[in-house]
Amino acid sequence: MAARSPVAGSAGRIGRVVSPAAGFVDWCVELLSPLGTVRARAMFGGHGLYVDERFVAIVVDEVLYLKADPVSAPAFAAAGSQPFSYTAKGRTMTLGFWRAPPEAMDAPAGMAPWGRLALAAAGRAAAVTRPRARRAVRRP
C-alpha cells in the first residue's frame, strides 16, 4: 500500500504545502492502488485517474467519480450514487462517470469492488474504441 500523503494544507517532508485538492487526489490514488499502478493527470480543472493506463476515474471539486457504462451503472444507481454532469451553453451534459459511494471512500478494501467495476467498464470501452486512421504521408 502506498504511503499516505501529508495532511492536506500541511507542510510535507520537503517543506512544500499540499493543497487540499492535491491531498484528496493522493487519497484517491491510494484507494485505487490495490487494483494496479495508479497515476493522476491534471485535466480540465480536475484530475483523471488511470489504473494500468486505463482511464477509470475523474476527480472534480474533491469528488471522486468512477467510470461506468450500461453494464455497471445500475450498481452505482442502486448504491444511491449520481452520475457526473455539468452545464455548458445552457445544456446539461452527463458523462459516463458516477460518484463513488461514501463507504468506498474510507479504505482501499471498500473501494476495491467499485474500482473493479470502473476497470471493467474502461476495458469494455477500450475494446470498442477503434484505432485512429493513419494519415497518409506525402513523399516528395
Protein backbone atom coordinates (compact mmCIF):
# COMPACT_ATOMS: atom_id res chain seq x y z
CA MET A 1 0.00 0.00 0.00
CA ALA A 2 1.25 3.47 -0.84
CA ALA A 3 2.20 5.81 1.96
CA ARG A 4 -0.47 8.39 2.68
CA SER A 5 0.44 11.91 1.62
CA PRO A 6 0.91 14.73 4.11
CA VAL A 7 -2.30 16.08 5.56
CA ALA A 8 -3.95 18.50 3.18
CA GLY A 9 -2.84 22.05 3.83
CA SER A 10 0.14 20.98 5.93
CA ALA A 11 3.85 21.12 5.17
CA GLY A 12 5.27 18.00 3.58
CA ARG A 13 8.67 16.43 4.20
CA ILE A 14 10.42 18.89 1.92
CA GLY A 15 8.58 21.91 3.28
CA ARG A 16 6.05 22.36 0.50
CA VAL A 17 2.40 22.98 1.27
CA VAL A 18 -0.01 20.38 -0.07
CA SER A 19 -3.28 21.89 -1.24
CA PRO A 20 -6.50 20.25 -0.05
CA ALA A 21 -7.27 19.20 -3.64
CA ALA A 22 -3.83 17.57 -4.08
CA GLY A 23 -4.27 15.72 -0.79
CA PHE A 24 -7.66 14.40 -1.92
CA VAL A 25 -6.28 13.26 -5.28
CA ASP A 26 -3.44 11.46 -3.45
CA TRP A 27 -6.02 9.72 -1.23
CA CYS A 28 -7.99 8.62 -4.31
CA VAL A 29 -4.78 7.23 -5.84
CA GLU A 30 -4.17 5.30 -2.62
CA LEU A 31 -7.75 3.97 -2.60
CA LEU A 32 -7.33 2.58 -6.12
CA SER A 33 -3.74 1.33 -5.71
CA PRO A 34 -4.61 -2.32 -4.88
CA LEU A 35 -6.05 -2.60 -8.41
CA GLY A 36 -2.77 -1.82 -10.19
CA THR A 37 -0.41 1.03 -10.99
CA VAL A 38 -2.32 4.28 -10.50
CA ARG A 39 -1.40 7.68 -11.90
CA ALA A 40 -3.18 11.01 -11.74
CA ARG A 41 -3.15 13.56 -14.53
CA ALA A 42 -4.41 17.13 -14.24
CA MET A 43 -7.11 17.86 -16.79
CA PHE A 44 -9.91 20.39 -17.31
CA GLY A 45 -9.71 21.83 -13.81
CA GLY A 46 -9.77 18.39 -12.21
CA HIS A 47 -7.80 15.17 -12.47
CA GLY A 48 -8.07 11.97 -14.46
CA LEU A 49 -7.04 8.74 -12.72
CA TYR A 50 -5.61 5.81 -14.61
CA VAL A 51 -5.11 2.24 -13.37
CA ASP A 52 -2.63 0.32 -15.50
CA GLU A 53 -3.08 3.04 -18.15
CA ARG A 54 -6.87 2.62 -18.28
CA PHE A 55 -8.87 5.79 -17.64
CA VAL A 56 -11.05 4.79 -14.68
CA ALA A 57 -11.96 7.91 -12.73
CA ILE A 58 -12.13 11.67 -12.55
CA VAL A 59 -11.77 13.95 -9.55
CA VAL A 60 -13.72 17.20 -9.77
CA ASP A 61 -14.22 19.60 -6.86
CA GLU A 62 -12.87 16.99 -4.43
CA VAL A 63 -15.38 14.34 -5.52
CA LEU A 64 -14.29 11.00 -6.99
CA TYR A 65 -16.32 9.77 -9.96
CA LEU A 66 -15.71 6.25 -11.29
CA LYS A 67 -16.12 5.13 -14.90
CA ALA A 68 -19.38 3.33 -15.57
CA ASP A 69 -21.27 2.02 -18.57
CA PRO A 70 -24.70 0.44 -19.13
CA VAL A 71 -23.42 -2.78 -17.53
CA SER A 72 -22.12 -1.20 -14.30
CA ALA A 73 -24.24 1.96 -13.92
CA PRO A 74 -27.16 0.09 -12.27
CA ALA A 75 -24.87 -0.94 -9.39
CA PHE A 76 -23.91 2.71 -8.82
CA ALA A 77 -27.55 3.79 -9.01
CA ALA A 78 -28.56 1.07 -6.52
CA ALA A 79 -25.93 2.43 -4.11
CA GLY A 80 -27.52 5.89 -4.33
CA SER A 81 -24.74 7.42 -6.43
CA GLN A 82 -25.27 10.11 -9.03
CA PRO A 83 -23.66 10.48 -12.47
CA PHE A 84 -21.24 13.31 -13.12
CA SER A 85 -22.90 16.14 -15.02
CA TYR A 86 -22.11 19.73 -15.89
CA THR A 87 -23.82 22.59 -17.69
CA ALA A 88 -22.34 24.08 -20.85
CA LYS A 89 -24.02 26.58 -23.15
CA GLY A 90 -27.30 26.12 -21.29
CA ARG A 91 -27.33 22.34 -21.70
CA THR A 92 -26.71 19.73 -19.03
CA MET A 93 -24.18 17.14 -20.13
CA THR A 94 -23.84 13.80 -18.35
CA LEU A 95 -20.69 11.72 -18.66
CA GLY A 96 -20.14 8.01 -18.01
CA PHE A 97 -18.73 8.56 -14.52
CA TRP A 98 -20.63 8.00 -11.27
CA ARG A 99 -19.86 9.34 -7.80
CA ALA A 100 -18.08 6.77 -5.64
CA PRO A 101 -20.35 5.59 -2.81
CA PRO A 102 -19.42 7.17 0.56
CA GLU A 103 -18.45 3.82 2.13
CA ALA A 104 -15.95 3.25 -0.70
CA MET A 105 -14.05 6.39 0.28
CA ASP A 106 -12.98 5.07 3.70
CA ALA A 107 -10.36 2.47 2.76
CA PRO A 108 -8.88 0.63 -0.24
CA ALA A 109 -10.80 -2.54 0.73
CA GLY A 110 -14.08 -0.65 0.49
CA MET A 111 -13.10 0.88 -2.84
CA ALA A 112 -11.97 -2.42 -4.40
CA PRO A 113 -15.34 -3.68 -5.72
CA TRP A 114 -16.21 -0.24 -7.12
CA GLY A 115 -12.76 0.16 -8.63
CA ARG A 116 -13.11 -3.25 -10.29
CA LEU A 117 -16.41 -2.11 -11.83
CA ALA A 118 -14.67 1.01 -13.17
CA LEU A 119 -11.76 -1.03 -14.55
CA ALA A 120 -14.17 -3.42 -16.26
CA ALA A 121 -16.09 -0.50 -17.81
CA ALA A 122 -12.79 1.01 -19.01
CA GLY A 123 -11.85 -2.36 -20.51
CA ARG A 124 -15.15 -2.64 -22.35
CA ALA A 125 -14.76 0.93 -23.65
CA ALA A 126 -11.23 0.18 -24.87
CA ALA A 127 -12.45 -2.94 -26.66
CA VAL A 128 -14.92 -0.96 -28.79
CA THR A 129 -12.70 2.07 -29.42
CA ARG A 130 -11.37 2.00 -32.93
CA PRO A 131 -7.78 3.00 -33.59
CA ARG A 132 -7.36 6.31 -35.37
CA ALA A 133 -6.78 6.17 -39.08
CA ARG A 134 -3.23 6.97 -40.04
CA ARG A 135 -2.67 9.99 -42.17
CA ALA A 136 -1.09 9.43 -45.49
CA VAL A 137 2.46 10.71 -45.58
CA ARG A 138 3.32 12.73 -48.63
CA ARG A 139 6.65 11.87 -50.11
CA PRO A 140 8.41 14.50 -52.24
